[in-house]
Amino acid sequence: MPLYEHVFISRQDLSSAQAEGLIEHFATVVADNGGSIVEREYWGVKTMAYKINKNRKGHYAFLKSNAPSAAIQEMERLMGLHEDVMRVLTIKVDAHVEGPSVQMQKRDERDRGDRPEGGFGGGERRERSFGGDRERSGGFGGGGFGGGDRERSGGFGGERSSAPRR
């Protein structure tokens, strides 16, 4: 049977017990339709990047399933009809990753070896200078705006005359 991973967000005004009850409910839907839930995780209440249905936060849940596509379609249909579920994401995967998901791992346990020494850019830090670079590089008046200094070119456009507008 195909392997799937699901993440769904439920409303923030639910209690943790109700949110975990939703996980159990959708796990039974998959089981009733011939599938099984391999692993389930409750990630807790998290702040979202933007409002969904006037909510800034939501209960996040993660499921790993081994089920036929008909069972997954039925579960997604019921999630779409359920008033407490705001968003659903289902992905078909080749194999489930062993162990807890990245969201459940502690920050200290995460692998941080992929970053180079010295932060994002790596290497040595450059000195920052404010103001002096603008005149040499064109600043705001140069570059793509068609002019250099405002005083020399007559404004941002560079080609406009100083005649009054009619």
N, C-alpha and C. Protein backbone atom coordinates (compact mmCIF):
# COMPACT_ATOMS: atom_id res chain seq x y z
N MET A 1 0.84 -1.19 0.00
CA MET A 1 0.00 0.00 0.00
C MET A 1 0.89 1.25 0.00
N PRO A 2 0.38 2.32 -0.57
CA PRO A 2 1.14 3.57 -0.61
C PRO A 2 1.31 4.17 0.79
N LEU A 3 2.38 4.92 0.95
CA LEU A 3 2.68 5.60 2.21
C LEU A 3 2.40 7.08 2.07
N TYR A 4 1.78 7.67 3.08
CA TYR A 4 1.42 9.08 3.05
C TYR A 4 1.83 9.75 4.35
N GLU A 5 2.04 11.06 4.28
CA GLU A 5 2.23 11.89 5.45
C GLU A 5 1.22 13.02 5.38
N HIS A 6 0.60 13.31 6.49
CA HIS A 6 -0.45 14.34 6.56
C HIS A 6 -0.13 15.32 7.67
N VAL A 7 -0.38 16.59 7.41
CA VAL A 7 -0.34 17.62 8.43
C VAL A 7 -1.66 18.36 8.33
N PHE A 8 -2.32 18.54 9.46
CA PHE A 8 -3.53 19.35 9.42
C PHE A 8 -3.53 20.31 10.60
N ILE A 9 -4.22 21.43 10.37
CA ILE A 9 -4.31 22.51 11.36
C ILE A 9 -5.77 22.63 11.78
N SER A 10 -6.00 22.59 13.08
CA SER A 10 -7.35 22.78 13.59
C SER A 10 -7.42 24.10 14.35
N ARG A 11 -8.63 24.53 14.63
CA ARG A 11 -8.86 25.85 15.23
C ARG A 11 -8.18 25.99 16.58
N GLN A 12 -7.79 27.23 16.89
CA GLN A 12 -7.06 27.50 18.12
C GLN A 12 -7.93 27.44 19.37
N ASP A 13 -9.24 27.59 19.23
CA ASP A 13 -10.09 27.60 20.42
C ASP A 13 -10.45 26.20 20.92
N LEU A 14 -9.94 25.16 20.27
CA LEU A 14 -10.13 23.80 20.77
C LEU A 14 -9.16 23.57 21.93
N SER A 15 -9.53 22.67 22.82
CA SER A 15 -8.59 22.28 23.86
C SER A 15 -7.62 21.25 23.27
N SER A 16 -6.54 20.98 23.99
CA SER A 16 -5.57 19.99 23.52
C SER A 16 -6.21 18.60 23.43
N ALA A 17 -7.10 18.29 24.37
CA ALA A 17 -7.79 16.99 24.34
C ALA A 17 -8.70 16.87 23.12
N GLN A 18 -9.37 17.96 22.76
CA GLN A 18 -10.22 17.93 21.57
C GLN A 18 -9.39 17.79 20.30
N ALA A 19 -8.24 18.47 20.26
CA ALA A 19 -7.36 18.39 19.08
C ALA A 19 -6.82 16.97 18.93
N GLU A 20 -6.44 16.35 20.04
CA GLU A 20 -5.97 14.97 19.98
C GLU A 20 -7.12 14.01 19.66
N GLY A 21 -8.33 14.39 20.05
CA GLY A 21 -9.51 13.61 19.67
C GLY A 21 -9.73 13.62 18.16
N LEU A 22 -9.43 14.75 17.52
CA LEU A 22 -9.52 14.82 16.06
C LEU A 22 -8.53 13.86 15.41
N ILE A 23 -7.33 13.78 15.97
CA ILE A 23 -6.32 12.86 15.43
C ILE A 23 -6.85 11.42 15.51
N GLU A 24 -7.43 11.08 16.65
CA GLU A 24 -7.99 9.73 16.83
C GLU A 24 -9.14 9.48 15.87
N HIS A 25 -9.99 10.48 15.68
CA HIS A 25 -11.14 10.34 14.78
C HIS A 25 -10.68 10.05 13.35
N PHE A 26 -9.71 10.81 12.87
CA PHE A 26 -9.25 10.60 11.49
C PHE A 26 -8.42 9.33 11.36
N ALA A 27 -7.79 8.90 12.43
CA ALA A 27 -7.08 7.61 12.41
C ALA A 27 -8.07 6.46 12.28
N THR A 28 -9.22 6.56 12.94
CA THR A 28 -10.24 5.51 12.80
C THR A 28 -10.86 5.52 11.42
N VAL A 29 -10.98 6.69 10.80
CA VAL A 29 -11.51 6.76 9.43
C VAL A 29 -10.59 6.00 8.48
N VAL A 30 -9.28 6.21 8.63
CA VAL A 30 -8.32 5.49 7.78
C VAL A 30 -8.39 3.99 8.06
N ALA A 31 -8.47 3.60 9.33
CA ALA A 31 -8.52 2.18 9.69
C ALA A 31 -9.80 1.52 9.18
N ASP A 32 -10.91 2.22 9.23
CA ASP A 32 -12.18 1.67 8.74
C ASP A 32 -12.18 1.45 7.24
N ASN A 33 -11.34 2.17 6.53
CA ASN A 33 -11.28 2.05 5.08
C ASN A 33 -10.10 1.21 4.60
N GLY A 34 -9.52 0.41 5.48
CA GLY A 34 -8.50 -0.55 5.06
C GLY A 34 -7.07 -0.08 5.20
N GLY A 35 -6.82 0.98 5.91
CA GLY A 35 -5.46 1.48 6.07
C GLY A 35 -5.04 1.45 7.52
N SER A 36 -3.85 1.95 7.78
CA SER A 36 -3.37 2.03 9.16
C SER A 36 -2.53 3.30 9.34
N ILE A 37 -2.57 3.82 10.55
CA ILE A 37 -1.75 4.96 10.91
C ILE A 37 -0.48 4.42 11.56
N VAL A 38 0.66 4.69 10.94
CA VAL A 38 1.94 4.17 11.43
C VAL A 38 2.40 4.98 12.64
N GLU A 39 2.26 6.29 12.57
CA GLU A 39 2.71 7.17 13.65
C GLU A 39 1.85 8.41 13.67
N ARG A 40 1.62 8.95 14.86
CA ARG A 40 0.87 10.21 14.99
C ARG A 40 1.58 11.10 15.98
N GLU A 41 1.58 12.40 15.67
CA GLU A 41 2.24 13.38 16.54
C GLU A 41 1.33 14.59 16.68
N TYR A 42 1.23 15.08 17.89
CA TYR A 42 0.53 16.32 18.15
C TYR A 42 1.59 17.38 18.41
N TRP A 43 1.67 18.38 17.54
CA TRP A 43 2.73 19.38 17.62
C TRP A 43 2.37 20.55 18.54
N GLY A 44 1.12 20.66 18.92
CA GLY A 44 0.70 21.73 19.81
C GLY A 44 0.18 22.95 19.06
N VAL A 45 -0.03 24.02 19.81
CA VAL A 45 -0.53 25.27 19.23
C VAL A 45 0.67 26.06 18.72
N LYS A 46 0.58 26.47 17.46
CA LYS A 46 1.65 27.24 16.84
C LYS A 46 1.06 28.47 16.17
N THR A 47 1.86 29.53 16.11
CA THR A 47 1.45 30.75 15.41
C THR A 47 1.66 30.56 13.92
N MET A 48 0.65 30.94 13.15
CA MET A 48 0.74 30.80 11.69
C MET A 48 1.31 32.06 11.07
N ALA A 49 1.79 31.94 9.84
CA ALA A 49 2.39 33.07 9.14
C ALA A 49 1.33 34.09 8.73
N TYR A 50 0.11 33.66 8.52
CA TYR A 50 -0.97 34.56 8.14
C TYR A 50 -2.28 34.01 8.70
N LYS A 51 -3.29 34.86 8.75
CA LYS A 51 -4.57 34.45 9.30
C LYS A 51 -5.27 33.46 8.37
N ILE A 52 -5.88 32.46 8.98
CA ILE A 52 -6.73 31.52 8.25
C ILE A 52 -8.06 31.52 8.98
N ASN A 53 -9.12 31.87 8.31
CA ASN A 53 -10.46 31.95 8.91
C ASN A 53 -10.45 32.78 10.20
N LYS A 54 -9.78 33.92 10.17
CA LYS A 54 -9.67 34.87 11.27
C LYS A 54 -8.93 34.29 12.48
N ASN A 55 -8.12 33.27 12.29
CA ASN A 55 -7.33 32.68 13.36
C ASN A 55 -5.85 32.93 13.10
N ARG A 56 -5.13 33.33 14.14
CA ARG A 56 -3.68 33.54 14.04
C ARG A 56 -2.90 32.32 14.49
N LYS A 57 -3.52 31.44 15.27
CA LYS A 57 -2.86 30.25 15.79
C LYS A 57 -3.69 29.02 15.45
N GLY A 58 -3.08 27.86 15.58
CA GLY A 58 -3.81 26.63 15.32
C GLY A 58 -3.11 25.44 15.95
N HIS A 59 -3.88 24.38 16.17
CA HIS A 59 -3.34 23.11 16.66
C HIS A 59 -2.82 22.33 15.46
N TYR A 60 -1.54 21.98 15.49
CA TYR A 60 -0.92 21.24 14.39
C TYR A 60 -0.84 19.76 14.75
N ALA A 61 -1.14 18.90 13.78
CA ALA A 61 -1.05 17.46 13.97
C ALA A 61 -0.38 16.84 12.75
N PHE A 62 0.36 15.77 12.97
CA PHE A 62 1.12 15.09 11.92
C PHE A 62 0.80 13.60 11.98
N LEU A 63 0.47 13.01 10.83
CA LEU A 63 0.15 11.59 10.75
C LEU A 63 0.98 10.93 9.66
N LYS A 64 1.47 9.74 9.93
CA LYS A 64 2.10 8.90 8.92
C LYS A 64 1.18 7.72 8.70
N SER A 65 0.80 7.47 7.44
CA SER A 65 -0.17 6.42 7.19
C SER A 65 0.31 5.46 6.11
N ASN A 66 -0.25 4.26 6.15
CA ASN A 66 -0.04 3.22 5.17
C ASN A 66 -1.43 2.78 4.76
N ALA A 67 -1.94 3.35 3.66
CA ALA A 67 -3.35 3.16 3.34
C ALA A 67 -3.58 3.25 1.84
N PRO A 68 -4.65 2.64 1.36
CA PRO A 68 -5.00 2.80 -0.05
C PRO A 68 -5.50 4.22 -0.32
N SER A 69 -5.47 4.60 -1.57
CA SER A 69 -5.84 5.97 -1.92
C SER A 69 -7.30 6.27 -1.60
N ALA A 70 -8.17 5.27 -1.64
CA ALA A 70 -9.58 5.50 -1.32
C ALA A 70 -9.75 5.92 0.14
N ALA A 71 -8.97 5.31 1.04
CA ALA A 71 -9.04 5.68 2.45
C ALA A 71 -8.55 7.10 2.67
N ILE A 72 -7.50 7.49 1.96
CA ILE A 72 -6.96 8.84 2.09
C ILE A 72 -7.94 9.86 1.54
N GLN A 73 -8.56 9.55 0.42
CA GLN A 73 -9.55 10.46 -0.16
C GLN A 73 -10.74 10.65 0.78
N GLU A 74 -11.17 9.58 1.42
CA GLU A 74 -12.28 9.68 2.37
C GLU A 74 -11.88 10.52 3.58
N MET A 75 -10.68 10.32 4.09
CA MET A 75 -10.21 11.10 5.23
C MET A 75 -10.12 12.59 4.86
N GLU A 76 -9.56 12.89 3.69
CA GLU A 76 -9.46 14.29 3.26
C GLU A 76 -10.84 14.90 3.04
N ARG A 77 -11.78 14.12 2.53
CA ARG A 77 -13.14 14.62 2.33
C ARG A 77 -13.77 14.98 3.67
N LEU A 78 -13.62 14.11 4.66
CA LEU A 78 -14.18 14.38 5.98
C LEU A 78 -13.46 15.54 6.68
N MET A 79 -12.16 15.69 6.45
CA MET A 79 -11.44 16.83 7.02
C MET A 79 -11.93 18.14 6.42
N GLY A 80 -12.22 18.11 5.13
CA GLY A 80 -12.74 19.31 4.48
C GLY A 80 -14.12 19.70 4.97
N LEU A 81 -14.91 18.72 5.38
CA LEU A 81 -16.26 18.99 5.88
C LEU A 81 -16.27 19.35 7.37
N HIS A 82 -15.24 18.96 8.08
CA HIS A 82 -15.20 19.20 9.53
C HIS A 82 -14.96 20.68 9.80
N GLU A 83 -15.77 21.27 10.67
CA GLU A 83 -15.68 22.71 10.90
C GLU A 83 -14.46 23.12 11.72
N ASP A 84 -13.85 22.18 12.44
CA ASP A 84 -12.69 22.52 13.26
C ASP A 84 -11.37 22.44 12.50
N VAL A 85 -11.34 21.80 11.34
CA VAL A 85 -10.12 21.65 10.56
C VAL A 85 -10.02 22.81 9.57
N MET A 86 -8.90 23.56 9.65
CA MET A 86 -8.73 24.73 8.78
C MET A 86 -7.94 24.41 7.52
N ARG A 87 -6.87 23.62 7.62
CA ARG A 87 -6.02 23.29 6.47
C ARG A 87 -5.55 21.85 6.57
N VAL A 88 -5.33 21.25 5.39
CA VAL A 88 -4.84 19.87 5.31
C VAL A 88 -3.77 19.81 4.22
N LEU A 89 -2.69 19.10 4.50
CA LEU A 89 -1.65 18.84 3.50
C LEU A 89 -1.34 17.35 3.54
N THR A 90 -1.48 16.68 2.40
CA THR A 90 -1.16 15.26 2.29
C THR A 90 -0.11 15.07 1.23
N ILE A 91 0.93 14.30 1.57
CA ILE A 91 2.03 14.05 0.64
C ILE A 91 2.24 12.54 0.55
N LYS A 92 2.40 12.04 -0.67
CA LYS A 92 2.74 10.63 -0.87
C LYS A 92 4.26 10.51 -0.82
N VAL A 93 4.76 9.59 0.00
CA VAL A 93 6.20 9.44 0.19
C VAL A 93 6.62 8.02 -0.20
N ASP A 94 7.91 7.86 -0.50
CA ASP A 94 8.43 6.54 -0.84
C ASP A 94 8.67 5.71 0.41
N ALA A 95 9.14 6.35 1.48
CA ALA A 95 9.40 5.65 2.74
C ALA A 95 9.25 6.65 3.88
N HIS A 96 8.78 6.15 5.02
CA HIS A 96 8.66 6.99 6.20
C HIS A 96 10.03 7.13 6.86
N VAL A 97 10.31 8.33 7.35
CA VAL A 97 11.55 8.60 8.07
C VAL A 97 11.38 8.07 9.48
N GLU A 98 12.38 7.34 9.95
CA GLU A 98 12.31 6.78 11.30
C GLU A 98 12.55 7.87 12.35
N GLY A 99 11.94 7.71 13.50
CA GLY A 99 12.15 8.64 14.60
C GLY A 99 11.16 9.79 14.55
N PRO A 100 11.29 10.71 15.49
CA PRO A 100 10.37 11.85 15.55
C PRO A 100 10.61 12.83 14.40
N SER A 101 9.58 13.57 14.06
CA SER A 101 9.72 14.57 13.01
C SER A 101 10.59 15.72 13.50
N VAL A 102 10.96 16.59 12.60
CA VAL A 102 11.83 17.71 12.92
C VAL A 102 11.14 18.64 13.92
N GLN A 103 9.84 18.78 13.83
CA GLN A 103 9.11 19.64 14.76
C GLN A 103 9.17 19.13 16.20
N MET A 104 9.30 17.83 16.38
CA MET A 104 9.30 17.26 17.72
C MET A 104 10.70 17.17 18.33
N GLN A 105 11.73 17.31 17.53
CA GLN A 105 13.08 17.25 18.06
C GLN A 105 13.40 18.52 18.81
N LYS A 106 14.19 18.41 19.85
CA LYS A 106 14.61 19.60 20.58
C LYS A 106 15.61 20.36 19.74
N ARG A 107 15.70 21.65 19.97
CA ARG A 107 16.60 22.50 19.19
C ARG A 107 18.05 22.06 19.31
N ASP A 108 18.46 21.58 20.49
CA ASP A 108 19.84 21.17 20.69
C ASP A 108 20.17 19.90 19.93
N GLU A 109 19.18 19.05 19.71
CA GLU A 109 19.43 17.77 19.06
C GLU A 109 19.46 17.87 17.54
N ARG A 110 18.99 18.98 17.00
CA ARG A 110 18.96 19.12 15.54
C ARG A 110 20.36 19.20 14.98
N ASP A 111 20.53 18.68 13.78
CA ASP A 111 21.83 18.71 13.12
C ASP A 111 22.09 20.11 12.60
N ARG A 112 23.11 20.75 13.13
CA ARG A 112 23.44 22.10 12.72
C ARG A 112 24.77 22.13 11.98
N GLY A 113 25.20 20.98 11.48
CA GLY A 113 26.48 20.91 10.79
C GLY A 113 26.45 21.43 9.37
N ASP A 114 25.26 21.71 8.83
CA ASP A 114 25.19 22.17 7.44
C ASP A 114 25.53 23.64 7.29
N ARG A 115 25.60 24.38 8.38
CA ARG A 115 25.96 25.80 8.29
C ARG A 115 27.47 25.96 8.35
N PRO A 116 28.02 26.82 7.50
CA PRO A 116 29.46 27.06 7.57
C PRO A 116 29.80 27.85 8.82
N GLU A 117 31.05 27.81 9.18
CA GLU A 117 31.52 28.53 10.36
C GLU A 117 31.36 30.02 10.13
N GLY A 118 30.84 30.74 11.11
CA GLY A 118 30.72 32.18 10.98
C GLY A 118 29.36 32.65 10.51
N GLY A 119 28.35 31.83 10.56
CA GLY A 119 27.00 32.26 10.19
C GLY A 119 26.63 31.86 8.78
N PHE A 120 25.72 32.62 8.20
CA PHE A 120 25.17 32.25 6.91
C PHE A 120 26.18 32.43 5.77
N GLY A 121 26.90 33.51 5.79
CA GLY A 121 27.81 33.80 4.68
C GLY A 121 29.12 33.05 4.79
N GLY A 122 29.52 32.72 5.99
CA GLY A 122 30.80 32.04 6.17
C GLY A 122 31.95 33.01 5.98
N GLY A 123 33.11 32.59 6.33
CA GLY A 123 34.29 33.42 6.13
C GLY A 123 34.33 34.60 7.08
N GLU A 124 35.07 35.62 6.67
CA GLU A 124 35.23 36.79 7.52
C GLU A 124 34.10 37.77 7.28
N ARG A 125 33.84 38.58 8.29
CA ARG A 125 32.82 39.60 8.17
C ARG A 125 33.42 40.86 7.57
N ARG A 126 32.66 41.52 6.73
CA ARG A 126 33.09 42.79 6.17
C ARG A 126 32.70 43.91 7.10
N GLU A 127 33.43 45.00 7.01
CA GLU A 127 33.06 46.19 7.76
C GLU A 127 31.88 46.83 7.06
N ARG A 128 30.93 47.28 7.83
CA ARG A 128 29.79 47.98 7.25
C ARG A 128 30.04 49.47 7.30
N SER A 129 29.68 50.13 6.22
CA SER A 129 29.76 51.59 6.22
C SER A 129 28.42 52.11 5.74
N PHE A 130 27.95 53.12 6.40
CA PHE A 130 26.64 53.67 6.06
C PHE A 130 26.82 55.05 5.47
N GLY A 131 26.21 55.29 4.34
CA GLY A 131 26.22 56.62 3.75
C GLY A 131 27.28 56.81 2.70
N GLY A 132 28.50 56.44 2.96
CA GLY A 132 29.59 56.71 2.04
C GLY A 132 29.52 55.89 0.76
N ASP A 133 28.94 54.73 0.81
CA ASP A 133 28.87 53.87 -0.37
C ASP A 133 27.83 54.35 -1.37
N ARG A 134 26.85 55.09 -0.92
CA ARG A 134 25.77 55.48 -1.81
C ARG A 134 26.25 56.35 -2.97
N GLU A 135 27.13 57.30 -2.68
CA GLU A 135 27.57 58.20 -3.74
C GLU A 135 28.40 57.46 -4.78
N ARG A 136 29.21 56.50 -4.34
CA ARG A 136 30.07 55.79 -5.27
C ARG A 136 29.30 54.78 -6.11
N SER A 137 28.30 54.12 -5.54
CA SER A 137 27.61 53.06 -6.27
C SER A 137 26.38 53.56 -6.99
N GLY A 138 26.10 54.81 -6.94
CA GLY A 138 24.90 55.30 -7.60
C GLY A 138 23.78 55.53 -6.62
N GLY A 139 23.77 54.84 -5.51
CA GLY A 139 22.79 55.04 -4.46
C GLY A 139 21.37 54.88 -4.95
N PHE A 140 20.49 55.68 -4.38
CA PHE A 140 19.08 55.59 -4.76
C PHE A 140 18.81 56.31 -6.06
N GLY A 141 19.59 57.33 -6.38
CA GLY A 141 19.34 58.09 -7.59
C GLY A 141 19.97 57.47 -8.81
N GLY A 142 20.94 56.59 -8.64
CA GLY A 142 21.62 55.99 -9.79
C GLY A 142 21.05 54.63 -10.10
N GLY A 143 21.85 53.83 -10.75
CA GLY A 143 21.42 52.46 -11.03
C GLY A 143 20.27 52.40 -12.00
N GLY A 144 19.18 51.81 -11.61
CA GLY A 144 18.04 51.59 -12.50
C GLY A 144 17.12 52.77 -12.64
N PHE A 145 17.40 53.89 -11.98
CA PHE A 145 16.49 55.02 -12.06
C PHE A 145 16.91 56.04 -13.11
N GLY A 146 18.00 55.82 -13.77
CA GLY A 146 18.36 56.65 -14.91
C GLY A 146 19.11 57.91 -14.57
N GLY A 147 19.61 58.09 -13.38
CA GLY A 147 20.33 59.31 -13.06
C GLY A 147 21.43 59.04 -12.06
N GLY A 148 22.18 60.03 -11.77
CA GLY A 148 23.23 59.94 -10.76
C GLY A 148 22.80 60.73 -9.56
N ASP A 149 23.57 61.77 -9.25
CA ASP A 149 23.16 62.66 -8.17
C ASP A 149 21.98 63.49 -8.63
N ARG A 150 21.10 63.81 -7.72
CA ARG A 150 19.93 64.60 -8.08
C ARG A 150 20.33 66.00 -8.52
N GLU A 151 21.35 66.54 -7.88
CA GLU A 151 21.74 67.90 -8.21
C GLU A 151 22.32 67.98 -9.63
N ARG A 152 23.10 66.98 -10.02
CA ARG A 152 23.73 67.03 -11.33
C ARG A 152 22.75 66.69 -12.44
N SER A 153 21.86 65.74 -12.21
CA SER A 153 21.01 65.29 -13.31
C SER A 153 19.64 65.91 -13.30
N GLY A 154 19.30 66.66 -12.27
CA GLY A 154 18.00 67.31 -12.27
C GLY A 154 16.90 66.43 -11.72
N GLY A 155 17.18 65.44 -10.94
CA GLY A 155 16.15 64.59 -10.34
C GLY A 155 16.43 63.13 -10.58
N PHE A 156 15.47 62.31 -10.29
CA PHE A 156 15.67 60.89 -10.43
C PHE A 156 15.69 60.45 -11.89
N GLY A 157 14.92 61.08 -12.72
CA GLY A 157 14.83 60.65 -14.11
C GLY A 157 16.04 61.02 -14.92
N GLY A 158 16.64 62.16 -14.70
CA GLY A 158 17.84 62.56 -15.41
C GLY A 158 17.55 63.25 -16.72
N GLU A 159 16.47 62.94 -17.41
CA GLU A 159 16.20 63.51 -18.71
C GLU A 159 15.15 64.63 -18.67
N ARG A 160 14.52 64.83 -17.57
CA ARG A 160 13.46 65.83 -17.49
C ARG A 160 14.03 67.22 -17.51
N SER A 161 13.31 68.11 -18.11
CA SER A 161 13.74 69.50 -18.12
C SER A 161 13.18 70.18 -16.87
N SER A 162 13.73 71.33 -16.57
CA SER A 162 13.28 72.05 -15.38
C SER A 162 12.13 73.00 -15.71
N ALA A 163 11.56 72.87 -16.90
CA ALA A 163 10.45 73.73 -17.29
C ALA A 163 9.22 73.38 -16.49
N PRO A 164 8.38 74.36 -16.17
CA PRO A 164 7.16 74.07 -15.38
C PRO A 164 6.20 73.19 -16.17
N ARG A 165 5.45 72.38 -15.44
CA ARG A 165 4.46 71.50 -16.08
C ARG A 165 3.21 72.27 -16.43
N ARG A 166 2.54 71.86 -17.48
CA ARG A 166 1.31 72.54 -17.88
C ARG A 166 0.12 71.74 -17.54
